[in-house]
Protein backbone atom coordinates (compact mmCIF):
# COMPACT_ATOMS: atom_id res chain seq x y z
CA UNK A 1 6.71 -4.31 31.60
CA UNK A 2 5.56 -3.20 28.17
CA UNK A 3 5.06 -5.95 25.58
CA UNK A 4 3.33 -6.38 22.13
CA UNK A 5 -0.08 -6.40 23.62
CA UNK A 6 0.37 -3.08 25.24
CA UNK A 7 0.72 -1.53 21.81
CA UNK A 8 -2.85 -2.11 21.04
CA UNK A 9 -3.49 0.98 23.13
CA UNK A 10 -0.88 3.01 21.32
CA UNK A 11 -2.73 6.10 20.15
CA UNK A 12 -1.35 9.63 19.53
CA UNK A 13 -3.50 12.26 21.17
CA UNK A 14 -1.09 15.00 19.83
CA UNK A 15 -2.32 14.18 16.24
CA UNK A 16 -5.71 15.76 15.67
CA UNK A 17 -8.42 13.25 14.50
CA UNK A 18 -6.15 10.03 14.92
CA UNK A 19 -8.06 8.61 17.76
CA UNK A 20 -11.49 9.32 16.21
CA UNK A 21 -10.10 7.71 13.04
CA UNK A 22 -8.81 4.64 15.04
CA UNK A 23 -12.24 4.00 16.56
CA UNK A 24 -14.26 4.63 13.48
CA UNK A 25 -12.06 1.98 11.69
CA UNK A 26 -12.78 -0.52 14.32
CA UNK A 27 -16.57 0.13 14.48
CA UNK A 28 -17.52 2.13 11.23
CA UNK A 29 -21.27 2.15 12.38
CA UNK A 30 -20.31 4.29 15.45
CA UNK A 31 -18.49 6.96 13.32
CA UNK A 32 -19.89 10.41 14.28
CA UNK A 33 -21.76 9.16 17.33
CA UNK A 34 -21.64 10.55 20.74
CA UNK A 35 -20.02 7.42 22.11
CA UNK A 36 -17.28 7.73 19.56
CA UNK A 37 -16.56 11.26 20.58
CA UNK A 38 -16.60 10.46 24.26
CA UNK A 39 -14.36 7.39 23.84
CA UNK A 40 -11.95 9.60 21.66
CA UNK A 41 -11.79 12.38 24.33
CA UNK A 42 -11.12 9.92 27.10
CA UNK A 43 -8.42 7.87 25.49
CA UNK A 44 -5.43 10.16 26.24
CA UNK A 45 -6.42 9.99 29.95
CA UNK A 46 -7.04 6.25 30.19
CA UNK A 47 -4.33 4.87 27.95
CA UNK A 48 -1.20 4.61 30.24
CA UNK A 49 0.54 2.29 27.53
CA UNK A 50 0.77 5.30 25.37
CA UNK A 51 2.98 7.24 28.04
CA UNK A 52 4.74 4.01 28.79
CA UNK A 53 5.79 3.13 25.28
CA UNK A 54 6.37 6.52 23.93
CA UNK A 55 8.38 7.46 26.95
CA UNK A 56 6.53 10.68 27.52
CA UNK A 57 6.61 10.42 31.42
CA UNK A 58 9.48 9.83 33.82
CA UNK A 59 10.06 6.39 34.90
CA UNK A 60 11.71 3.09 33.77
CA UNK A 61 12.73 3.17 30.13
CA UNK A 62 10.10 2.32 27.59
CA UNK A 63 10.24 -0.69 25.24
CA UNK A 64 10.88 1.56 22.24
CA UNK A 65 13.81 2.93 24.01
CA UNK A 66 15.31 -0.52 24.56
CA UNK A 67 14.51 -1.38 21.13
CA UNK A 68 16.33 1.67 19.86
CA UNK A 69 19.41 0.82 21.68
CA UNK A 70 19.46 -2.74 20.43
CA UNK A 71 18.96 -1.52 16.75
CA UNK A 72 21.77 1.13 16.97
CA UNK A 73 24.15 -1.48 18.42
CA UNK A 74 23.15 -3.98 15.62
CA UNK A 75 23.51 -1.40 12.90
CA UNK A 76 26.84 0.26 14.04
CA UNK A 77 28.36 -2.47 16.41
CA UNK A 78 31.80 -0.71 16.64
CA UNK A 79 30.51 2.69 17.55
CA UNK A 80 28.78 4.19 20.54
CA UNK A 81 25.25 5.06 19.17
CA UNK A 82 22.23 6.46 20.74
CA UNK A 83 18.80 6.24 19.35
CA UNK A 84 15.76 8.54 19.58
CA UNK A 85 12.17 7.91 18.56
CA UNK A 86 11.35 11.00 16.36
CA UNK A 87 7.70 9.92 15.69
CA UNK A 88 5.44 7.08 15.43
CA UNK A 89 1.89 5.72 14.39
CA UNK A 90 -0.16 2.82 14.68
CA UNK A 91 -1.95 1.70 11.45
CA UNK A 92 -4.98 -0.60 10.86
CA UNK A 93 -2.55 -2.77 9.11
CA UNK A 94 -1.59 -3.85 12.60
CA UNK A 95 1.95 -2.36 12.64
CA UNK A 96 3.41 0.29 14.89
CA UNK A 97 5.81 2.43 12.76
CA UNK A 98 8.54 4.42 14.39
CA UNK A 99 11.06 6.75 12.87
CA UNK A 100 14.34 6.65 14.80
CA UNK A 101 17.36 8.90 14.66
CA UNK A 102 20.59 7.01 15.32
CA UNK A 103 23.45 9.27 16.25
CA UNK A 104 25.91 7.51 14.10
CA UNK A 105 23.82 7.67 10.86
CA UNK A 106 22.96 10.78 8.81
CA UNK A 107 19.84 8.98 7.56
CA UNK A 108 16.94 8.00 9.94
CA UNK A 109 15.49 4.56 10.03
CA UNK A 110 11.94 3.18 10.05
CA UNK A 111 11.15 0.47 12.62
CA UNK A 112 8.03 -1.62 12.08
CA UNK A 113 6.86 -3.55 15.05
CA UNK A 114 3.86 -5.99 14.09
CA UNK A 115 0.91 -6.35 16.52
CA UNK A 116 -0.35 -9.64 15.24
CA UNK A 117 0.62 -12.64 13.00
CA UNK A 118 -1.14 -10.85 10.09
CA UNK A 119 1.06 -7.70 10.78
CA UNK A 120 4.22 -9.79 11.03
CA UNK A 121 3.51 -11.49 7.65
CA UNK A 122 2.95 -8.15 5.99
CA UNK A 123 6.30 -6.81 7.33
CA UNK A 124 8.08 -9.98 6.26
CA UNK A 125 6.59 -9.66 2.83
CA UNK A 126 7.76 -6.03 2.54
CA UNK A 127 11.30 -6.94 3.53
CA UNK A 128 11.49 -9.76 1.09
CA UNK A 129 10.02 -7.55 -1.76
CA UNK A 130 12.69 -4.80 -0.92
CA UNK A 131 15.48 -7.39 -1.13
CA UNK A 132 14.10 -8.80 -4.44
CA UNK A 133 13.67 -5.20 -5.87
CA UNK A 134 17.43 -4.56 -5.13
CA UNK A 135 18.35 -7.92 -6.77
CA UNK A 136 16.28 -7.20 -9.85
CA UNK A 137 17.57 -3.61 -10.26
CA UNK A 138 21.38 -4.46 -9.95
CA UNK A 139 23.09 -2.70 -12.85
CA UNK A 140 20.14 -0.33 -13.37
CA UNK A 141 21.72 2.69 -11.61
CA UNK A 142 20.89 4.04 -8.26
CA UNK A 143 17.54 3.83 -6.70
CA UNK A 144 17.30 6.16 -3.59
CA UNK A 145 13.64 6.14 -3.79
CA UNK A 146 13.39 2.63 -2.73
CA UNK A 147 14.03 1.81 0.92
CA UNK A 148 16.99 -0.35 1.90
CA UNK A 149 16.04 -3.25 4.25
CA UNK A 150 18.58 -3.05 7.09
CA UNK A 151 17.72 -5.45 9.87
CA UNK A 152 15.03 -7.72 11.29
CA UNK A 153 14.77 -9.79 14.46
CA UNK A 154 13.09 -10.15 17.79
CA UNK A 155 13.53 -8.37 21.08
CA UNK A 156 11.72 -9.56 24.20
CA UNK A 157 9.81 -11.97 21.90
CA UNK A 158 8.63 -8.92 19.84
CA UNK A 159 9.40 -8.98 16.09
CA UNK A 160 10.79 -5.93 14.43
CA UNK A 161 11.83 -4.80 10.96
CA UNK A 162 14.10 -1.95 9.99
CA UNK A 163 14.67 -0.10 6.78
CA UNK A 164 15.98 3.26 5.75
CA UNK A 165 13.58 6.28 6.24
CA UNK A 166 12.93 8.37 3.23
CA UNK A 167 12.60 12.09 2.92
CA UNK A 168 9.69 13.95 1.45
CA UNK A 169 5.93 14.51 1.77
CA UNK A 170 3.13 12.08 0.93
CA UNK A 171 1.53 12.73 -2.43
CA UNK A 172 -2.07 12.53 -1.28
CA UNK A 173 -1.84 15.87 0.39
CA UNK A 174 -0.95 17.44 -2.93
CA UNK A 175 -3.89 16.31 -4.90
CA UNK A 176 -6.28 19.16 -4.29
CA UNK A 177 -4.07 21.55 -6.22
CA UNK A 178 -4.83 20.75 -9.86
CA UNK A 179 -1.44 21.80 -11.27
CA UNK A 180 0.49 20.18 -8.44
CA UNK A 181 -1.56 16.97 -8.98
CA UNK A 182 -0.68 16.88 -12.58
CA UNK A 183 3.11 17.16 -11.86
CA UNK A 184 2.82 14.47 -9.23
CA UNK A 185 1.04 12.04 -11.66
CA UNK A 186 3.76 12.72 -14.33
CA UNK A 187 6.51 12.04 -11.68
CA UNK A 188 4.79 8.91 -10.70
CA UNK A 189 4.56 7.77 -14.31
CA UNK A 190 8.25 8.50 -14.86
CA UNK A 191 9.30 6.53 -11.83
CA UNK A 192 7.02 3.64 -12.91
CA UNK A 193 8.58 3.50 -16.23
CA UNK A 194 12.12 3.43 -14.92
CA UNK A 195 11.03 0.52 -12.46
CA UNK A 196 9.12 -1.55 -15.17
CA UNK A 197 11.66 -0.90 -17.95
CA UNK A 198 14.56 -2.00 -15.69
CA UNK A 199 13.20 -5.41 -14.66
CA UNK A 200 10.96 -6.54 -17.69
CA UNK A 201 10.80 -9.75 -19.40
CA UNK A 202 8.65 -10.32 -22.40
CA UNK A 203 6.12 -13.08 -23.04
CA UNK A 204 3.00 -14.02 -24.85
CA UNK A 205 0.27 -14.45 -22.33
CA UNK A 206 -0.92 -18.03 -22.75
CA UNK A 207 -3.32 -20.02 -20.56
CA UNK A 208 -0.32 -21.38 -18.51
CA UNK A 209 1.04 -17.81 -17.89
CA UNK A 210 -2.45 -16.68 -17.02
CA UNK A 211 -2.71 -19.31 -14.35
CA UNK A 212 0.82 -18.61 -12.97
CA UNK A 213 0.95 -14.88 -12.98
CA UNK A 214 -2.72 -13.61 -13.14
CA UNK A 215 -5.15 -16.02 -11.51
CA UNK A 216 -3.38 -15.92 -8.09
CA UNK A 217 -3.70 -12.17 -7.74
CA UNK A 218 -7.51 -12.17 -8.53
CA UNK A 219 -8.60 -15.51 -7.17
CA UNK A 220 -10.16 -14.18 -3.92
CA UNK A 221 -11.61 -11.26 -5.88
CA UNK A 222 -13.28 -13.64 -8.36
CA UNK A 223 -14.75 -15.65 -5.38
CA UNK A 224 -16.00 -12.55 -3.67
CA UNK A 225 -17.81 -11.36 -6.89
CA UNK A 226 -19.61 -14.65 -7.02
CA UNK A 227 -20.50 -14.71 -3.35
CA UNK A 228 -21.43 -10.93 -3.06
CA UNK A 229 -22.38 -9.84 -6.47
CA UNK A 230 -23.89 -12.90 -8.16
CA UNK A 231 -21.27 -13.04 -10.91
CA UNK A 232 -19.81 -16.48 -11.68
CA UNK A 233 -16.09 -16.61 -10.84
CA UNK A 234 -15.28 -18.99 -13.61
CA UNK A 235 -17.37 -17.17 -16.20
CA UNK A 236 -15.73 -13.79 -15.26
CA UNK A 237 -12.17 -15.49 -15.52
CA UNK A 238 -13.05 -16.92 -18.87
CA UNK A 239 -14.24 -13.55 -20.07
CA UNK A 240 -11.02 -11.72 -19.17
CA UNK A 241 -8.89 -14.62 -20.59
CA UNK A 242 -10.86 -14.36 -24.05
CA UNK A 243 -9.85 -10.70 -24.13
CA UNK A 244 -6.19 -10.85 -22.89
CA UNK A 245 -4.78 -14.25 -23.59
CA UNK A 246 -2.65 -14.20 -26.60
CA UNK A 247 -1.32 -10.68 -26.07
CA UNK A 248 2.51 -10.14 -26.19
CA UNK A 249 3.24 -8.34 -22.84
CA UNK A 250 6.19 -7.47 -20.66
CA UNK A 251 6.09 -8.91 -17.23
CA UNK A 252 7.10 -6.16 -14.73
CA UNK A 253 8.12 -5.61 -11.04
CA UNK A 254 4.71 -4.43 -9.69
CA UNK A 255 4.69 -2.31 -6.58
CA UNK A 256 1.07 -3.42 -5.83
CA UNK A 257 -0.17 -0.37 -3.91
CA UNK A 258 0.95 2.53 -5.99
CA UNK A 259 -1.20 5.28 -4.80
CA UNK A 260 -0.23 8.99 -3.72
CA UNK A 261 -0.09 8.13 -0.09
CA UNK A 262 2.86 5.71 -0.87
CA UNK A 263 4.71 8.11 -2.99
CA UNK A 264 6.92 10.88 -1.37
CA UNK A 265 7.59 14.15 -3.07
CA UNK A 266 9.82 17.17 -2.33
CA UNK A 267 7.97 20.23 -1.14
CA UNK A 268 7.46 21.69 -4.52
CA UNK A 269 6.42 18.43 -6.09
CA UNK A 270 9.36 18.58 -8.53
CA UNK A 271 10.76 15.05 -7.87
CA UNK A 272 9.74 11.86 -6.16
CA UNK A 273 11.89 11.24 -2.99
CA UNK A 274 10.61 7.93 -1.91
CA UNK A 275 8.20 5.00 -2.55
CA UNK A 276 6.97 3.01 0.44
CA UNK A 277 4.91 0.12 1.44
CA UNK A 278 6.14 -2.67 -0.87
CA UNK A 279 4.34 -5.56 1.05
CA UNK A 280 2.18 -6.35 -2.09
CA UNK A 281 5.01 -6.18 -4.62
CA UNK A 282 5.36 -8.90 -7.14
CA UNK A 283 8.63 -9.43 -9.13
CA UNK A 284 6.85 -10.76 -12.26
CA UNK A 285 3.36 -9.37 -12.75
CA UNK A 286 1.26 -7.79 -15.51
CA UNK A 287 2.09 -4.13 -16.52
CA UNK A 288 -0.17 -1.19 -16.37
CA UNK A 289 -1.84 -2.23 -13.05
CA UNK A 290 0.45 0.07 -11.06
CA UNK A 291 -0.29 3.09 -13.26
CA UNK A 292 -4.18 2.39 -13.01
CA UNK A 293 -3.85 2.41 -9.24
CA UNK A 294 -2.27 5.86 -9.56
CA UNK A 295 -4.76 7.22 -11.99
CA UNK A 296 -7.79 5.97 -10.08
CA UNK A 297 -6.44 6.93 -6.63
CA UNK A 298 -5.37 10.44 -7.79
CA UNK A 299 -8.76 11.09 -9.35
CA UNK A 300 -10.49 10.01 -6.14
CA UNK A 301 -8.14 12.35 -4.12
CA UNK A 302 -8.91 15.17 -6.50
CA UNK A 303 -12.64 14.71 -6.50
CA UNK A 304 -12.96 13.61 -2.75
CA UNK A 305 -14.61 10.47 -3.82
CA UNK A 306 -14.15 6.66 -3.01
CA UNK A 307 -11.90 4.70 -5.57
CA UNK A 308 -14.58 2.17 -6.44
CA UNK A 309 -16.95 4.89 -7.56
CA UNK A 310 -14.19 6.27 -9.74
CA UNK A 311 -13.30 2.99 -11.24
CA UNK A 312 -16.84 2.16 -12.03
CA UNK A 313 -17.28 5.53 -13.72
CA UNK A 314 -14.16 4.67 -15.84
CA UNK A 315 -15.53 1.43 -16.77
CA UNK A 316 -18.93 2.85 -17.92
CA UNK A 317 -17.70 6.07 -19.39
CA UNK A 318 -14.07 5.67 -20.24
CA UNK A 319 -10.92 7.39 -18.78
CA UNK A 320 -10.77 11.20 -18.72
CA UNK A 321 -8.55 12.81 -21.39
CA UNK A 322 -5.64 13.49 -19.16
CA UNK A 323 -5.56 10.09 -17.56
CA UNK A 324 -5.89 8.33 -20.85
CA UNK A 325 -2.88 10.49 -22.04
CA UNK A 326 -0.75 8.97 -19.28
CA UNK A 327 -1.93 5.35 -20.11
CA UNK A 328 -1.02 5.90 -23.66
CA UNK A 329 2.43 7.26 -22.78
CA UNK A 330 3.03 4.28 -20.54
CA UNK A 331 1.99 1.80 -23.32
CA UNK A 332 4.22 3.52 -25.99
CA UNK A 333 7.17 3.64 -23.66
CA UNK A 334 6.64 -0.15 -22.73
CA UNK A 335 6.23 -1.04 -26.41
CA UNK A 336 2.71 -2.61 -26.47
CA UNK A 337 -0.78 -1.42 -27.32
CA UNK A 338 -4.20 -2.27 -26.05
CA UNK A 339 -7.66 -2.02 -27.70
CA UNK A 340 -10.52 -0.29 -25.81
CA UNK A 341 -11.78 -3.73 -24.84
CA UNK A 342 -8.53 -4.83 -23.51
CA UNK A 343 -8.14 -1.65 -21.57
CA UNK A 344 -11.51 -2.25 -19.91
CA UNK A 345 -10.23 -5.72 -19.04
CA UNK A 346 -7.25 -4.28 -17.32
CA UNK A 347 -9.44 -1.93 -15.32
CA UNK A 348 -11.63 -4.90 -14.31
CA UNK A 349 -8.47 -6.79 -13.40
CA UNK A 350 -7.42 -3.76 -11.17
CA UNK A 351 -10.86 -4.03 -9.45
CA UNK A 352 -10.45 -7.70 -8.98
CA UNK A 353 -6.93 -7.29 -7.39
CA UNK A 354 -8.35 -4.54 -5.04
CA UNK A 355 -11.23 -6.99 -3.93
CA UNK A 356 -8.73 -9.77 -3.47
CA UNK A 357 -6.61 -7.72 -1.16
CA UNK A 358 -9.51 -7.02 1.11
CA UNK A 359 -11.02 -10.49 0.72
CA UNK A 360 -8.06 -12.52 1.50
CA UNK A 361 -8.14 -13.98 5.11
CA UNK A 362 -6.60 -11.69 7.71
CA UNK A 363 -7.49 -13.50 10.83
CA UNK A 364 -7.47 -10.25 12.75
CA UNK A 365 -9.90 -8.31 14.85
CA UNK A 366 -8.21 -5.14 13.55
CA UNK A 367 -8.86 -5.57 9.86
CA UNK A 368 -11.92 -3.69 8.96
CA UNK A 369 -12.36 -4.49 5.24
CA UNK A 370 -15.35 -6.65 5.45
CA UNK A 371 -17.48 -3.48 5.59
CA UNK A 372 -15.72 -2.29 2.50
CA UNK A 373 -16.59 -5.52 0.76
CA UNK A 374 -20.13 -5.31 1.89
CA UNK A 375 -20.66 -1.75 0.53
CA UNK A 376 -18.75 -1.86 -2.70
CA UNK A 377 -18.72 -5.49 -4.23
CA UNK A 378 -22.45 -5.91 -4.73
CA UNK A 379 -22.67 -2.41 -6.21
CA UNK A 380 -20.05 -3.36 -8.75
CA UNK A 381 -22.43 -6.07 -10.33
CA UNK A 382 -23.63 -3.54 -12.80
CA UNK A 383 -20.10 -3.25 -14.36
CA UNK A 384 -20.22 -6.91 -15.29
CA UNK A 385 -23.86 -7.19 -16.41
CA UNK A 386 -23.39 -7.99 -19.96
CA UNK A 387 -22.47 -11.81 -20.29
CA UNK A 388 -20.90 -11.68 -23.66
CA UNK A 389 -18.78 -8.51 -23.56
CA UNK A 390 -16.56 -6.95 -20.97
């Protein structure tokens, strides 16, 4: 019978490029090789668990069908409800994500099925973050853009997590059109301001506050910079503190992964319809980092470049005029200002947060971020060369 292990072979041959992408993520050095192409071509033929789980062939009910029935009964216990798996995907975050239609609900649900302890931890963190977001935003109006956590549990010793499905199209597909990209960034800024203004608390950033709110989100990044780029972790931490400690800043509810792929828009890019993937969220964190995520990621999508290269250029040359305008609008609305040196320090904080996410232990054969660290962290040393200025 299907179980959690059989999900490891769950690939969708109906989605062009998904299998090639899967294998290239597992073994980056094989990307583009004949071996990769052969494996990709054969996968739909030799992965019976694909048909077994997705229910694409006649026979016993697949696990996902039993799970759908279980969820339907839990969500609407007094109604006869059927569940249909609309679509699914497996990500390198070690989670199978299914969108299900429940006959008794107008809105579909998203079901996340972790494949490993690391995947379970991420799913748990997201459910908890969504609950905290709802608590923090009580009295601040309606937030249809934020998924509602509905249910979590286990079926046949397989954990699952359920939340509302959100409508719309992911924003990273809209970045190649310049005017559409500009509208998306403006909408992203507007939502971010709503979120950050609704759940803010002002403070003077002292050493104690730094150690409580800042050091934990950059700790592994500092260590990786020391090990891979030869930059002293303590010296870099002290440099950043010298520039930023003493500032009066608002602490905000930070999303933590606020890039176009996690933002859903309507077809005309006239409004944000959803914001997903809250597993890195923090109820009390520094401002501006979410917006820098957006600015850097959008620029990378527009130029078809990798984010580290874009961030490095911003540190060395400054922000482009339109990106700086977004930052200034954010700062003005949030009620604080930054010098050029302080803005550069925030960019370096953004980099350290990115490195921390990839350097934190994952205990997983799926997580392929060590290649990213090897390629990008040593190259970032030039951004930190001067010992007495940021």
